[in-house]
């Protein structure tokens, strides 16, 4: 996994975590759901990169 991709995926996870926490604090369900979605997308991308690394 390239370092740039790893950082981008981690940034997406952290952004999602922040959105989720702000959504919880403000009782904004849409923002909370968006944060959860961003976290899941970041995790999925990291998993895909790890699979690609195995087959290199």
PDB file of N, CA and C in Angstrom:
ATOM      1  N   UNK A   1       0.865  -1.162   0.000  1.00  0.00           N
ATOM      2  CA  UNK A   1       0.000   0.000   0.000  1.00  0.00           C
ATOM      3  C   UNK A   1       0.908   1.221   0.000  1.00  0.00           C
ATOM      4  N   UNK A   2       0.622   2.130  -0.919  1.00  0.00           N
ATOM      5  CA  UNK A   2       1.468   3.325  -0.944  1.00  0.00           C
ATOM      6  C   UNK A   2       1.161   4.203   0.266  1.00  0.00           C
ATOM      7  N   UNK A   3       2.162   4.943   0.670  1.00  0.00           N
ATOM      8  CA  UNK A   3       2.009   5.809   1.838  1.00  0.00           C
ATOM      9  C   UNK A   3       0.948   6.869   1.639  1.00  0.00           C
ATOM     10  N   UNK A   4       0.849   7.403   0.416  1.00  0.00           N
ATOM     11  CA  UNK A   4      -0.136   8.443   0.128  1.00  0.00           C
ATOM     12  C   UNK A   4      -1.553   7.891   0.254  1.00  0.00           C
ATOM     13  N   UNK A   5      -1.774   6.704  -0.314  1.00  0.00           N
ATOM     14  CA  UNK A   5      -3.097   6.082  -0.220  1.00  0.00           C
ATOM     15  C   UNK A   5      -3.465   5.796   1.230  1.00  0.00           C
ATOM     16  N   UNK A   6      -2.487   5.309   1.983  1.00  0.00           N
ATOM     17  CA  UNK A   6      -2.732   4.990   3.387  1.00  0.00           C
ATOM     18  C   UNK A   6      -3.139   6.241   4.161  1.00  0.00           C
ATOM     19  N   UNK A   7      -2.438   7.356   3.899  1.00  0.00           N
ATOM     20  CA  UNK A   7      -2.769   8.611   4.570  1.00  0.00           C
ATOM     21  C   UNK A   7      -4.144   9.135   4.168  1.00  0.00           C
ATOM     22  N   UNK A   8      -4.464   9.023   2.890  1.00  0.00           N
ATOM     23  CA  UNK A   8      -5.777   9.482   2.420  1.00  0.00           C
ATOM     24  C   UNK A   8      -6.900   8.672   3.072  1.00  0.00           C
ATOM     25  N   UNK A   9      -6.719   7.373   3.140  1.00  0.00           N
ATOM     26  CA  UNK A   9      -7.740   6.516   3.738  1.00  0.00           C
ATOM     27  C   UNK A   9      -7.897   6.801   5.229  1.00  0.00           C
ATOM     28  N   UNK A  10      -6.769   7.004   5.902  1.00  0.00           N
ATOM     29  CA  UNK A  10      -6.819   7.299   7.340  1.00  0.00           C
ATOM     30  C   UNK A  10      -7.471   8.653   7.572  1.00  0.00           C
ATOM     31  N   UNK A  11      -7.166   9.622   6.704  1.00  0.00           N
ATOM     32  CA  UNK A  11      -7.778  10.949   6.821  1.00  0.00           C
ATOM     33  C   UNK A  11      -9.288  10.855   6.648  1.00  0.00           C
ATOM     34  N   UNK A  12      -9.726  10.008   5.715  1.00  0.00           N
ATOM     35  CA  UNK A  12     -11.161   9.843   5.501  1.00  0.00           C
ATOM     36  C   UNK A  12     -11.811   9.225   6.744  1.00  0.00           C
ATOM     37  N   UNK A  13     -11.143   8.264   7.349  1.00  0.00           N
ATOM     38  CA  UNK A  13     -11.679   7.663   8.570  1.00  0.00           C
ATOM     39  C   UNK A  13     -11.788   8.692   9.694  1.00  0.00           C
ATOM     40  N   UNK A  14     -10.726   9.476   9.867  1.00  0.00           N
ATOM     41  CA  UNK A  14     -10.724  10.468  10.947  1.00  0.00           C
ATOM     42  C   UNK A  14     -11.753  11.567  10.699  1.00  0.00           C
ATOM     43  N   UNK A  15     -11.914  11.967   9.451  1.00  0.00           N
ATOM     44  CA  UNK A  15     -12.934  12.958   9.112  1.00  0.00           C
ATOM     45  C   UNK A  15     -14.316  12.404   9.435  1.00  0.00           C
ATOM     46  N   UNK A  16     -14.526  11.153   9.084  1.00  0.00           N
ATOM     47  CA  UNK A  16     -15.800  10.503   9.381  1.00  0.00           C
ATOM     48  C   UNK A  16     -16.060  10.414  10.869  1.00  0.00           C
ATOM     49  N   UNK A  17     -15.020  10.109  11.618  1.00  0.00           N
ATOM     50  CA  UNK A  17     -15.165  10.027  13.073  1.00  0.00           C
ATOM     51  C   UNK A  17     -15.536  11.390  13.650  1.00  0.00           C
ATOM     52  N   UNK A  18     -14.900  12.432  13.137  1.00  0.00           N
ATOM     53  CA  UNK A  18     -15.221  13.792  13.591  1.00  0.00           C
ATOM     54  C   UNK A  18     -16.650  14.172  13.262  1.00  0.00           C
ATOM     55  N   UNK A  19     -17.079  13.861  12.046  1.00  0.00           N
ATOM     56  CA  UNK A  19     -18.454  14.171  11.646  1.00  0.00           C
ATOM     57  C   UNK A  19     -19.452  13.441  12.530  1.00  0.00           C
ATOM     58  N   UNK A  20     -19.147  12.173  12.810  1.00  0.00           N
ATOM     59  CA  UNK A  20     -20.049  11.383  13.645  1.00  0.00           C
ATOM     60  C   UNK A  20     -20.167  11.989  15.042  1.00  0.00           C
ATOM     61  N   UNK A  21     -19.042  12.402  15.617  1.00  0.00           N
ATOM     62  CA  UNK A  21     -19.063  12.982  16.962  1.00  0.00           C
ATOM     63  C   UNK A  21     -19.806  14.318  16.983  1.00  0.00           C
ATOM     64  N   UNK A  22     -19.581  15.140  15.956  1.00  0.00           N
ATOM     65  CA  UNK A  22     -20.306  16.418  15.880  1.00  0.00           C
ATOM     66  C   UNK A  22     -21.793  16.151  15.699  1.00  0.00           C
ATOM     67  N   UNK A  23     -22.142  15.173  14.893  1.00  0.00           N
ATOM     68  CA  UNK A  23     -23.538  14.803  14.702  1.00  0.00           C
ATOM     69  C   UNK A  23     -24.186  14.332  15.987  1.00  0.00           C
ATOM     70  N   UNK A  24     -23.435  13.565  16.779  1.00  0.00           N
ATOM     71  CA  UNK A  24     -23.941  13.119  18.082  1.00  0.00           C
ATOM     72  C   UNK A  24     -24.166  14.319  19.008  1.00  0.00           C
ATOM     73  N   UNK A  25     -23.180  15.202  19.036  1.00  0.00           N
ATOM     74  CA  UNK A  25     -23.250  16.338  19.957  1.00  0.00           C
ATOM     75  C   UNK A  25     -24.375  17.298  19.604  1.00  0.00           C
ATOM     76  N   UNK A  26     -24.649  17.454  18.318  1.00  0.00           N
ATOM     77  CA  UNK A  26     -25.675  18.407  17.873  1.00  0.00           C
ATOM     78  C   UNK A  26     -27.003  17.728  17.567  1.00  0.00           C
ATOM     79  N   UNK A  27     -27.060  16.433  17.796  1.00  0.00           N
ATOM     80  CA  UNK A  27     -28.256  15.638  17.501  1.00  0.00           C
ATOM     81  C   UNK A  27     -28.650  15.748  16.027  1.00  0.00           C
ATOM     82  N   UNK A  28     -27.622  15.774  15.161  1.00  0.00           N
ATOM     83  CA  UNK A  28     -27.820  15.846  13.717  1.00  0.00           C
ATOM     84  C   UNK A  28     -27.614  14.444  13.147  1.00  0.00           C
ATOM     85  N   UNK A  29     -28.707  13.749  12.898  1.00  0.00           N
ATOM     86  CA  UNK A  29     -28.638  12.353  12.435  1.00  0.00           C
ATOM     87  C   UNK A  29     -28.003  12.241  11.048  1.00  0.00           C
ATOM     88  N   UNK A  30     -28.233  13.215  10.175  1.00  0.00           N
ATOM     89  CA  UNK A  30     -27.657  13.171   8.829  1.00  0.00           C
ATOM     90  C   UNK A  30     -26.137  13.248   8.887  1.00  0.00           C
ATOM     91  N   UNK A  31     -25.608  14.154   9.688  1.00  0.00           N
ATOM     92  CA  UNK A  31     -24.166  14.302   9.820  1.00  0.00           C
ATOM     93  C   UNK A  31     -23.561  13.064  10.477  1.00  0.00           C
ATOM     94  N   UNK A  32     -24.250  12.512  11.429  1.00  0.00           N
ATOM     95  CA  UNK A  32     -23.792  11.298  12.103  1.00  0.00           C
ATOM     96  C   UNK A  32     -23.707  10.143  11.095  1.00  0.00           C
ATOM     97  N   UNK A  33     -24.730   9.994  10.278  1.00  0.00           N
ATOM     98  CA  UNK A  33     -24.749   8.922   9.280  1.00  0.00           C
ATOM     99  C   UNK A  33     -23.656   9.138   8.230  1.00  0.00           C
ATOM    100  N   UNK A  34     -23.444  10.386   7.838  1.00  0.00           N
ATOM    101  CA  UNK A  34     -22.394  10.691   6.867  1.00  0.00           C
ATOM    102  C   UNK A  34     -21.021  10.326   7.439  1.00  0.00           C
ATOM    103  N   UNK A  35     -20.826  10.601   8.715  1.00  0.00           N
ATOM    104  CA  UNK A  35     -19.574  10.242   9.371  1.00  0.00           C
ATOM    105  C   UNK A  35     -19.356   8.743   9.406  1.00  0.00           C
ATOM    106  N   UNK A  36     -20.402   8.007   9.709  1.00  0.00           N
ATOM    107  CA  UNK A  36     -20.303   6.549   9.733  1.00  0.00           C
ATOM    108  C   UNK A  36     -19.977   6.022   8.340  1.00  0.00           C
ATOM    109  N   UNK A  37     -20.600   6.617   7.318  1.00  0.00           N
ATOM    110  CA  UNK A  37     -20.365   6.203   5.939  1.00  0.00           C
ATOM    111  C   UNK A  37     -18.905   6.477   5.544  1.00  0.00           C
ATOM    112  N   UNK A  38     -18.381   7.634   5.912  1.00  0.00           N
ATOM    113  CA  UNK A  38     -16.999   7.971   5.594  1.00  0.00           C
ATOM    114  C   UNK A  38     -16.028   7.011   6.275  1.00  0.00           C
ATOM    115  N   UNK A  39     -16.302   6.667   7.508  1.00  0.00           N
ATOM    116  CA  UNK A  39     -15.441   5.721   8.230  1.00  0.00           C
ATOM    117  C   UNK A  39     -15.443   4.368   7.539  1.00  0.00           C
ATOM    118  N   UNK A  40     -16.618   3.898   7.160  1.00  0.00           N
ATOM    119  CA  UNK A  40     -16.725   2.597   6.504  1.00  0.00           C
ATOM    120  C   UNK A  40     -16.006   2.611   5.160  1.00  0.00           C
ATOM    121  N   UNK A  41     -16.136   3.696   4.415  1.00  0.00           N
ATOM    122  CA  UNK A  41     -15.470   3.795   3.120  1.00  0.00           C
ATOM    123  C   UNK A  41     -13.956   3.769   3.287  1.00  0.00           C
ATOM    124  N   UNK A  42     -13.447   4.482   4.265  1.00  0.00           N
ATOM    125  CA  UNK A  42     -12.007   4.485   4.525  1.00  0.00           C
ATOM    126  C   UNK A  42     -11.504   3.112   4.909  1.00  0.00           C
ATOM    127  N   UNK A  43     -12.247   2.418   5.744  1.00  0.00           N
ATOM    128  CA  UNK A  43     -11.862   1.063   6.156  1.00  0.00           C
ATOM    129  C   UNK A  43     -11.871   0.107   4.969  1.00  0.00           C
ATOM    130  N   UNK A  44     -12.880   0.229   4.114  1.00  0.00           N
ATOM    131  CA  UNK A  44     -12.997  -0.644   2.952  1.00  0.00           C
ATOM    132  C   UNK A  44     -11.849  -0.402   1.978  1.00  0.00           C
ATOM    133  N   UNK A  45     -11.502   0.853   1.778  1.00  0.00           N
ATOM    134  CA  UNK A  45     -10.387   1.171   0.885  1.00  0.00           C
ATOM    135  C   UNK A  45      -9.080   0.602   1.425  1.00  0.00           C
ATOM    136  N   UNK A  46      -8.878   0.702   2.723  1.00  0.00           N
ATOM    137  CA  UNK A  46      -7.652   0.155   3.315  1.00  0.00           C
ATOM    138  C   UNK A  46      -7.605  -1.361   3.150  1.00  0.00           C
ATOM    139  N   UNK A  47      -8.725  -2.005   3.316  1.00  0.00           N
ATOM    140  CA  UNK A  47      -8.775  -3.456   3.141  1.00  0.00           C
ATOM    141  C   UNK A  47      -8.454  -3.825   1.697  1.00  0.00           C
ATOM    142  N   UNK A  48      -8.992  -3.071   0.745  1.00  0.00           N
ATOM    143  CA  UNK A  48      -8.708  -3.326  -0.661  1.00  0.00           C
ATOM    144  C   UNK A  48      -7.242  -3.141  -0.989  1.00  0.00           C
ATOM    145  N   UNK A  49      -6.623  -2.128  -0.438  1.00  0.00           N
ATOM    146  CA  UNK A  49      -5.196  -1.893  -0.660  1.00  0.00           C
ATOM    147  C   UNK A  49      -4.360  -3.038  -0.080  1.00  0.00           C
ATOM    148  N   UNK A  50      -4.763  -3.533   1.070  1.00  0.00           N
ATOM    149  CA  UNK A  50      -4.029  -4.644   1.694  1.00  0.00           C
ATOM    150  C   UNK A  50      -4.130  -5.901   0.838  1.00  0.00           C
ATOM    151  N   UNK A  51      -5.302  -6.137   0.251  1.00  0.00           N
ATOM    152  CA  UNK A  51      -5.471  -7.303  -0.629  1.00  0.00           C
ATOM    153  C   UNK A  51      -4.579  -7.157  -1.856  1.00  0.00           C
ATOM    154  N   UNK A  52      -4.539  -5.950  -2.413  1.00  0.00           N
ATOM    155  CA  UNK A  52      -3.666  -5.720  -3.574  1.00  0.00           C
ATOM    156  C   UNK A  52      -2.214  -5.968  -3.220  1.00  0.00           C
ATOM    157  N   UNK A  53      -1.796  -5.553  -2.028  1.00  0.00           N
ATOM    158  CA  UNK A  53      -0.419  -5.751  -1.601  1.00  0.00           C
ATOM    159  C   UNK A  53      -0.057  -7.228  -1.492  1.00  0.00           C
ATOM    160  N   UNK A  54      -1.032  -8.039  -1.090  1.00  0.00           N
ATOM    161  CA  UNK A  54      -0.774  -9.478  -0.945  1.00  0.00           C
ATOM    162  C   UNK A  54      -0.447 -10.092  -2.296  1.00  0.00           C
ATOM    163  N   UNK A  55      -1.090  -9.613  -3.356  1.00  0.00           N
ATOM    164  CA  UNK A  55      -0.917 -10.221  -4.674  1.00  0.00           C
ATOM    165  C   UNK A  55       0.181  -9.568  -5.509  1.00  0.00           C
ATOM    166  N   UNK A  56       0.974  -8.680  -4.919  1.00  0.00           N
ATOM    167  CA  UNK A  56       2.086  -8.058  -5.652  1.00  0.00           C
ATOM    168  C   UNK A  56       3.290  -8.958  -5.641  1.00  0.00           C
TER     169      UNK A  56
END
